[in-house]
Amino acid sequence: MNTLNSRLATALLILAAVFLGGAFASSASATLPGKNGPLLVNSFTKLGAQTPGTVVSTVTEGGRITPIYTRKGLASLPNLSPNGKRIVFQGQPPANDLFTGLVAKPGKIQRITDAPKTFLPSQGIFAADGRSVFYSTTGAVQGGAYRTFIKRYFFATGKTRAYKVANKQPLVLTDVSPNGRVVALTQSQILNPRVVTLNLATGKLRVVKVGFPTIQASFAPGGKRLAFAGFRGQNWDIFVSNLGGKGVKQLTNDKWVDSYPAFSPDGRKVALTRTDGTVPKGMRVIDIQSGKSRELKSPKRDSFVVQWLPR
């Protein structure tokens, strides 16, 4: 397979996971400042079987694994509230809708979206106060354009606030800044996807300009830097930069598809998941300053890092 075709195939696999919320999709989620706690890991069991399952665990850098949420069925893109008591995830079926519930009561969940087939919700990401959840919906409209909304569901009222995004390309929410004012999105053009940020107050979109395709951005705990997957060379690797794309630093350079980075609460490390394009091949933690990395113990074979929790 030539380089262009390989690049296209890999981009299609990654973007399908981001846009459609496939079983192997995963995401970084809002990182709150603090001391480093365990990482939240999303694992799947019996994929391809009639009754697949999901296990959400916390995993320390030292390798201690603690299952905290088990579901008969797929529960992709889980995100924990700041107090660790509530979870939101993308459930299947129906239609990849978002569900929420208490971690202590996995059998009792509430659906918070009712998505038509053409407007699918992204993962849900808790606001820093834990009282609301952000997500996006994207779908095709007339003329070959797309329409994207950023939405915010409030638990106290059960109401949702929508922010319309002025962009004709499909956009998928991947993270929310710690202060809730800016969101990071992937603009899903197949051959040239790119990370953009959106100021919710002004509606201004800002492209993270690094000169190569980028996807899956997550905010540093201070909200002034991003980690993202980028295609510069032969494969997808992990990079960090400021919000405009300056000061870019490459953290990985290997044969794997390195994806879905998550900043540590102290801002000094980034966790990531490695795949071969479809199947997970391990999770790692990288020190941004030194570049040193270590393998993170996996609860199950099909496991992905989704969030780094504060302690």
Protein backbone atom coordinates (compact mmCIF):
# COMPACT_ATOMS: atom_id res chain seq x y z
CA MET A 1 0.00 0.00 0.00
CA ASN A 2 1.48 3.39 -0.96
CA THR A 3 1.88 6.21 1.53
CA LEU A 4 -1.19 8.16 0.41
CA ASN A 5 -3.47 5.13 0.51
CA SER A 6 -2.07 4.07 3.88
CA ARG A 7 -2.62 7.57 5.21
CA LEU A 8 -6.17 7.63 3.86
CA ALA A 9 -7.01 4.22 5.32
CA THR A 10 -5.68 5.15 8.73
CA ALA A 11 -7.47 8.49 8.69
CA LEU A 12 -10.73 6.79 7.78
CA LEU A 13 -10.39 4.34 10.66
CA ILE A 14 -9.60 7.04 13.20
CA LEU A 15 -12.25 9.47 12.00
CA ALA A 16 -14.89 6.77 11.85
CA ALA A 17 -14.21 6.08 15.51
CA VAL A 18 -14.38 9.77 16.41
CA PHE A 19 -17.41 10.69 14.29
CA LEU A 20 -19.50 7.56 14.62
CA GLY A 21 -18.58 6.55 18.15
CA GLY A 22 -17.56 3.04 17.21
CA ALA A 23 -16.78 0.39 19.77
CA PHE A 24 -13.08 1.25 19.66
CA ALA A 25 -13.64 5.00 20.02
CA SER A 26 -12.11 6.66 23.03
CA SER A 27 -11.38 10.16 24.15
CA ALA A 28 -9.54 12.37 26.48
CA SER A 29 -11.79 14.31 28.80
CA ALA A 30 -11.63 17.55 30.73
CA THR A 31 -8.54 17.50 32.94
CA LEU A 32 -8.80 19.38 36.23
CA PRO A 33 -5.63 20.79 37.87
CA GLY A 34 -4.29 18.93 40.88
CA LYS A 35 -2.09 16.03 41.89
CA ASN A 36 -2.02 13.01 39.63
CA GLY A 37 -4.53 10.32 40.51
CA PRO A 38 -5.36 7.14 38.58
CA LEU A 39 -6.32 6.98 34.93
CA LEU A 40 -9.81 6.03 33.77
CA VAL A 41 -9.67 3.12 31.32
CA ASN A 42 -12.46 1.86 29.05
CA SER A 43 -12.32 -1.91 28.33
CA PHE A 44 -14.53 -4.09 26.17
CA THR A 45 -15.28 -7.80 26.46
CA LYS A 46 -16.66 -10.23 23.90
CA LEU A 47 -16.54 -7.70 21.06
CA GLY A 48 -18.27 -9.12 18.00
CA ALA A 49 -20.43 -11.37 20.14
CA GLN A 50 -24.17 -11.01 20.49
CA THR A 51 -23.81 -9.80 24.08
CA PRO A 52 -20.66 -7.63 24.36
CA GLY A 53 -19.77 -6.02 27.65
CA THR A 54 -17.92 -3.03 29.07
CA VAL A 55 -15.73 -2.59 32.13
CA VAL A 56 -14.61 0.86 33.27
CA SER A 57 -11.60 0.78 35.62
CA THR A 58 -9.16 3.08 37.32
CA VAL A 59 -5.50 2.24 36.74
CA THR A 60 -2.61 3.78 38.64
CA GLU A 61 0.79 4.38 37.05
CA GLY A 62 2.07 1.69 39.39
CA GLY A 63 -0.31 -0.86 37.86
CA ARG A 64 -3.12 -1.12 40.42
CA ILE A 65 -6.38 -1.89 38.62
CA THR A 66 -9.78 -1.21 40.22
CA PRO A 67 -12.97 -1.97 38.23
CA ILE A 68 -15.58 0.67 39.09
CA TYR A 69 -18.37 0.22 36.53
CA THR A 70 -19.56 -2.84 34.60
CA ARG A 71 -22.28 -2.93 31.97
CA LYS A 72 -23.77 -5.69 29.84
CA GLY A 73 -23.58 -3.89 26.52
CA LEU A 74 -21.32 -1.28 25.00
CA ALA A 75 -20.56 1.84 27.00
CA SER A 76 -18.06 3.89 24.99
CA LEU A 77 -16.35 7.17 25.86
CA PRO A 78 -17.08 7.17 29.61
CA ASN A 79 -16.40 10.33 31.60
CA LEU A 80 -16.49 10.66 35.39
CA SER A 81 -17.80 13.69 37.25
CA PRO A 82 -15.22 15.60 39.34
CA ASN A 83 -16.45 13.94 42.54
CA GLY A 84 -16.29 10.50 40.90
CA LYS A 85 -19.90 9.65 41.71
CA ARG A 86 -21.59 10.08 38.31
CA ILE A 87 -20.71 8.67 34.91
CA VAL A 88 -21.77 9.61 31.38
CA PHE A 89 -21.16 7.35 28.38
CA GLN A 90 -22.21 6.66 24.82
CA GLY A 91 -24.44 3.60 24.79
CA GLN A 92 -25.39 1.25 21.99
CA PRO A 93 -28.15 0.82 21.02
CA PRO A 94 -30.01 3.03 20.33
CA ALA A 95 -28.15 5.35 17.94
CA ASN A 96 -25.11 5.93 20.15
CA ASP A 97 -27.13 8.09 22.53
CA LEU A 98 -25.65 9.46 25.74
CA PHE A 99 -26.58 7.92 29.07
CA THR A 100 -25.80 8.92 32.63
CA GLY A 101 -26.12 7.36 36.05
CA LEU A 102 -24.47 6.87 39.39
CA VAL A 103 -21.30 4.78 39.44
CA ALA A 104 -22.65 2.91 42.46
CA LYS A 105 -25.85 1.95 40.60
CA PRO A 106 -24.84 0.62 37.16
CA GLY A 107 -28.26 -0.94 36.58
CA LYS A 108 -30.03 2.42 36.73
CA ILE A 109 -29.24 4.83 33.89
CA GLN A 110 -30.93 7.77 32.20
CA ARG A 111 -30.77 8.65 28.50
CA ILE A 112 -30.00 12.35 28.02
CA THR A 113 -30.05 12.51 24.21
CA ASP A 114 -32.55 11.32 21.62
CA ALA A 115 -30.52 11.53 18.47
CA PRO A 116 -31.96 11.15 14.98
CA LYS A 117 -29.82 8.91 12.81
CA THR A 118 -28.33 11.86 10.89
CA PHE A 119 -27.31 13.89 13.95
CA LEU A 120 -25.22 11.73 16.26
CA PRO A 121 -23.94 12.92 19.64
CA SER A 122 -20.27 12.86 20.52
CA GLN A 123 -18.97 11.71 23.88
CA GLY A 124 -20.16 13.60 26.94
CA ILE A 125 -17.68 15.65 28.98
CA PHE A 126 -18.47 16.94 32.47
CA ALA A 127 -18.12 20.60 33.31
CA ALA A 128 -15.68 21.33 36.14
CA ASP A 129 -18.51 21.77 38.68
CA GLY A 130 -20.07 18.42 37.72
CA ARG A 131 -23.50 19.99 37.23
CA SER A 132 -23.65 19.71 33.44
CA VAL A 133 -22.31 17.72 30.50
CA PHE A 134 -21.03 19.06 27.18
CA TYR A 135 -21.35 17.18 23.88
CA SER A 136 -21.69 17.90 20.16
CA THR A 137 -24.11 16.80 17.45
CA THR A 138 -23.21 16.83 13.77
CA GLY A 139 -25.16 15.91 10.65
CA ALA A 140 -25.46 16.56 6.92
CA VAL A 141 -27.84 19.23 5.60
CA GLN A 142 -28.82 20.33 2.10
CA GLY A 143 -26.10 21.29 -0.34
CA GLY A 144 -23.51 18.85 0.97
CA ALA A 145 -22.74 20.95 4.03
CA TYR A 146 -22.80 19.92 7.69
CA ARG A 147 -24.30 21.51 10.76
CA THR A 148 -22.76 21.19 14.18
CA PHE A 149 -24.11 22.19 17.58
CA ILE A 150 -22.30 22.22 20.90
CA LYS A 151 -24.80 21.24 23.58
CA ARG A 152 -24.80 21.42 27.35
CA TYR A 153 -27.14 19.27 29.42
CA PHE A 154 -27.96 20.49 32.95
CA PHE A 155 -28.76 17.80 35.51
CA ALA A 156 -30.80 20.05 37.83
CA THR A 157 -33.34 21.06 35.19
CA GLY A 158 -33.01 18.34 32.55
CA LYS A 159 -32.74 21.12 29.96
CA THR A 160 -30.17 21.47 27.18
CA ARG A 161 -28.54 24.64 25.87
CA ALA A 162 -27.32 24.63 22.26
CA TYR A 163 -24.51 26.67 20.68
CA LYS A 164 -24.60 26.72 16.86
CA VAL A 165 -21.22 26.47 15.15
CA ALA A 166 -20.64 28.44 11.95
CA ASN A 167 -18.77 25.79 9.98
CA LYS A 168 -19.78 23.72 6.94
CA GLN A 169 -17.47 20.79 7.72
CA PRO A 170 -18.38 18.13 10.31
CA LEU A 171 -16.99 18.94 13.74
CA VAL A 172 -16.77 16.54 16.69
CA LEU A 173 -16.21 17.64 20.29
CA THR A 174 -13.17 16.04 21.94
CA ASP A 175 -12.57 18.16 25.05
CA VAL A 176 -13.65 21.14 27.15
CA SER A 177 -11.30 23.63 28.82
CA PRO A 178 -11.26 23.52 32.64
CA ASN A 179 -13.14 26.86 32.84
CA GLY A 180 -15.81 25.65 30.38
CA ARG A 181 -15.34 28.62 28.04
CA VAL A 182 -13.51 26.94 25.16
CA VAL A 183 -14.01 23.57 23.50
CA ALA A 184 -11.70 21.54 21.26
CA LEU A 185 -13.09 19.84 18.17
CA THR A 186 -11.87 17.72 15.27
CA GLN A 187 -12.87 19.03 11.85
CA SER A 188 -13.35 15.74 10.05
CA GLN A 189 -12.10 16.29 6.53
CA ILE A 190 -10.85 12.84 5.54
CA LEU A 191 -7.49 13.72 3.94
CA ASN A 192 -6.84 16.82 6.01
CA PRO A 193 -8.56 16.66 9.39
CA ARG A 194 -7.60 19.41 11.79
CA VAL A 195 -8.09 20.48 15.37
CA VAL A 196 -9.97 23.70 16.03
CA THR A 197 -11.02 25.47 19.21
CA LEU A 198 -14.30 27.31 19.73
CA ASN A 199 -14.91 30.14 22.17
CA LEU A 200 -18.49 29.51 23.35
CA ALA A 201 -19.05 33.15 24.34
CA THR A 202 -17.93 34.72 21.05
CA GLY A 203 -18.53 31.85 18.62
CA LYS A 204 -15.01 32.33 17.23
CA LEU A 205 -13.32 29.29 15.71
CA ARG A 206 -9.53 29.05 15.83
CA VAL A 207 -7.48 26.54 13.84
CA VAL A 208 -4.51 24.92 15.55
CA LYS A 209 -1.99 25.65 12.77
CA VAL A 210 0.83 23.11 12.74
CA GLY A 211 1.03 22.30 9.02
CA PHE A 212 -0.12 18.66 9.12
CA PRO A 213 -3.38 16.75 9.80
CA THR A 214 -4.46 16.75 13.46
CA ILE A 215 -7.27 15.11 15.46
CA GLN A 216 -8.44 14.33 19.02
CA ALA A 217 -7.20 17.32 21.03
CA SER A 218 -7.31 17.53 24.81
CA PHE A 219 -6.62 20.52 27.05
CA ALA A 220 -3.85 20.79 29.59
CA PRO A 221 -5.17 21.48 33.11
CA GLY A 222 -4.33 25.19 32.75
CA GLY A 223 -6.30 25.38 29.50
CA LYS A 224 -3.43 27.03 27.58
CA ARG A 225 -1.95 23.97 25.85
CA LEU A 226 -3.29 21.07 23.82
CA ALA A 227 -2.21 17.49 23.26
CA PHE A 228 -3.36 15.92 20.01
CA ALA A 229 -2.70 13.18 17.49
CA GLY A 230 -1.00 14.38 14.30
CA PHE A 231 0.10 12.85 11.00
CA ARG A 232 3.58 14.17 10.21
CA GLY A 233 5.53 11.54 8.33
CA GLN A 234 4.32 7.97 8.07
CA ASN A 235 1.95 7.55 11.00
CA TRP A 236 -0.17 9.18 13.68
CA ASP A 237 1.86 10.39 16.66
CA ILE A 238 1.21 12.55 19.74
CA PHE A 239 2.13 16.24 19.89
CA VAL A 240 1.65 19.17 22.27
CA SER A 241 1.41 22.88 21.42
CA ASN A 242 -0.27 26.08 22.52
CA LEU A 243 -3.84 26.79 21.37
CA GLY A 244 -2.71 28.41 18.15
CA GLY A 245 -0.24 25.68 17.24
CA LYS A 246 3.00 27.41 18.28
CA GLY A 247 5.64 25.67 20.36
CA VAL A 248 4.72 22.28 18.90
CA LYS A 249 6.59 19.31 20.38
CA GLN A 250 6.41 15.72 19.15
CA LEU A 251 6.14 13.15 21.95
CA THR A 252 6.01 9.86 20.02
CA ASN A 253 7.56 8.49 16.85
CA ASP A 254 6.86 4.80 16.29
CA LYS A 255 5.09 2.32 14.03
CA TRP A 256 1.79 2.42 15.94
CA VAL A 257 -1.24 4.66 15.59
CA ASP A 258 -0.79 6.75 18.75
CA SER A 259 -4.08 8.39 19.65
CA TYR A 260 -6.44 9.94 22.21
CA PRO A 261 -3.94 11.75 24.47
CA ALA A 262 -4.94 12.77 28.00
CA PHE A 263 -3.01 15.31 30.06
CA SER A 264 -2.13 14.53 33.67
CA PRO A 265 -3.63 16.87 36.30
CA ASP A 266 -0.17 18.33 37.04
CA GLY A 267 0.33 19.04 33.32
CA ARG A 268 3.66 17.24 33.17
CA LYS A 269 2.62 13.98 31.49
CA VAL A 270 0.40 12.71 28.70
CA ALA A 271 -1.26 9.29 28.54
CA LEU A 272 -2.13 7.69 25.20
CA THR A 273 -3.41 4.53 23.55
CA ARG A 274 -1.58 2.69 20.79
CA THR A 275 -3.41 0.72 18.09
CA ASP A 276 -2.58 -0.81 14.71
CA GLY A 277 -5.44 1.27 13.26
CA THR A 278 -8.18 -0.93 14.69
CA VAL A 279 -6.92 -3.14 17.54
CA PRO A 280 -5.40 -1.68 20.74
CA LYS A 281 -1.72 -2.46 21.29
CA GLY A 282 -1.18 -0.95 24.72
CA MET A 283 -1.37 2.23 26.76
CA ARG A 284 1.55 4.45 27.73
CA VAL A 285 2.38 7.47 29.90
CA ILE A 286 4.98 9.97 28.59
CA ASP A 287 6.87 12.64 30.51
CA ILE A 288 6.62 15.78 28.34
CA GLN A 289 9.93 17.28 29.46
CA SER A 290 12.18 14.20 29.32
CA GLY A 291 10.33 12.18 26.70
CA LYS A 292 10.61 9.06 28.85
CA SER A 293 7.64 6.70 28.71
CA ARG A 294 6.34 3.66 30.50
CA GLU A 295 3.73 1.02 29.70
CA LEU A 296 0.43 1.24 31.56
CA LYS A 297 -1.06 -2.05 32.72
CA SER A 298 -4.26 -2.97 30.83
CA PRO A 299 -7.32 -4.36 32.62
CA LYS A 300 -8.42 -6.22 29.47
CA ARG A 301 -7.04 -6.83 25.99
CA ASP A 302 -9.27 -4.18 24.38
CA SER A 303 -8.54 -1.20 26.64
CA PHE A 304 -8.26 2.54 26.06
CA VAL A 305 -7.26 5.50 28.22
CA VAL A 306 -10.14 8.00 28.41
CA GLN A 307 -9.42 10.36 31.32
CA TRP A 308 -6.73 11.22 33.87
CA LEU A 309 -8.30 11.77 37.27
CA PRO A 310 -6.97 14.15 39.94
CA ARG A 311 -6.10 12.87 43.41
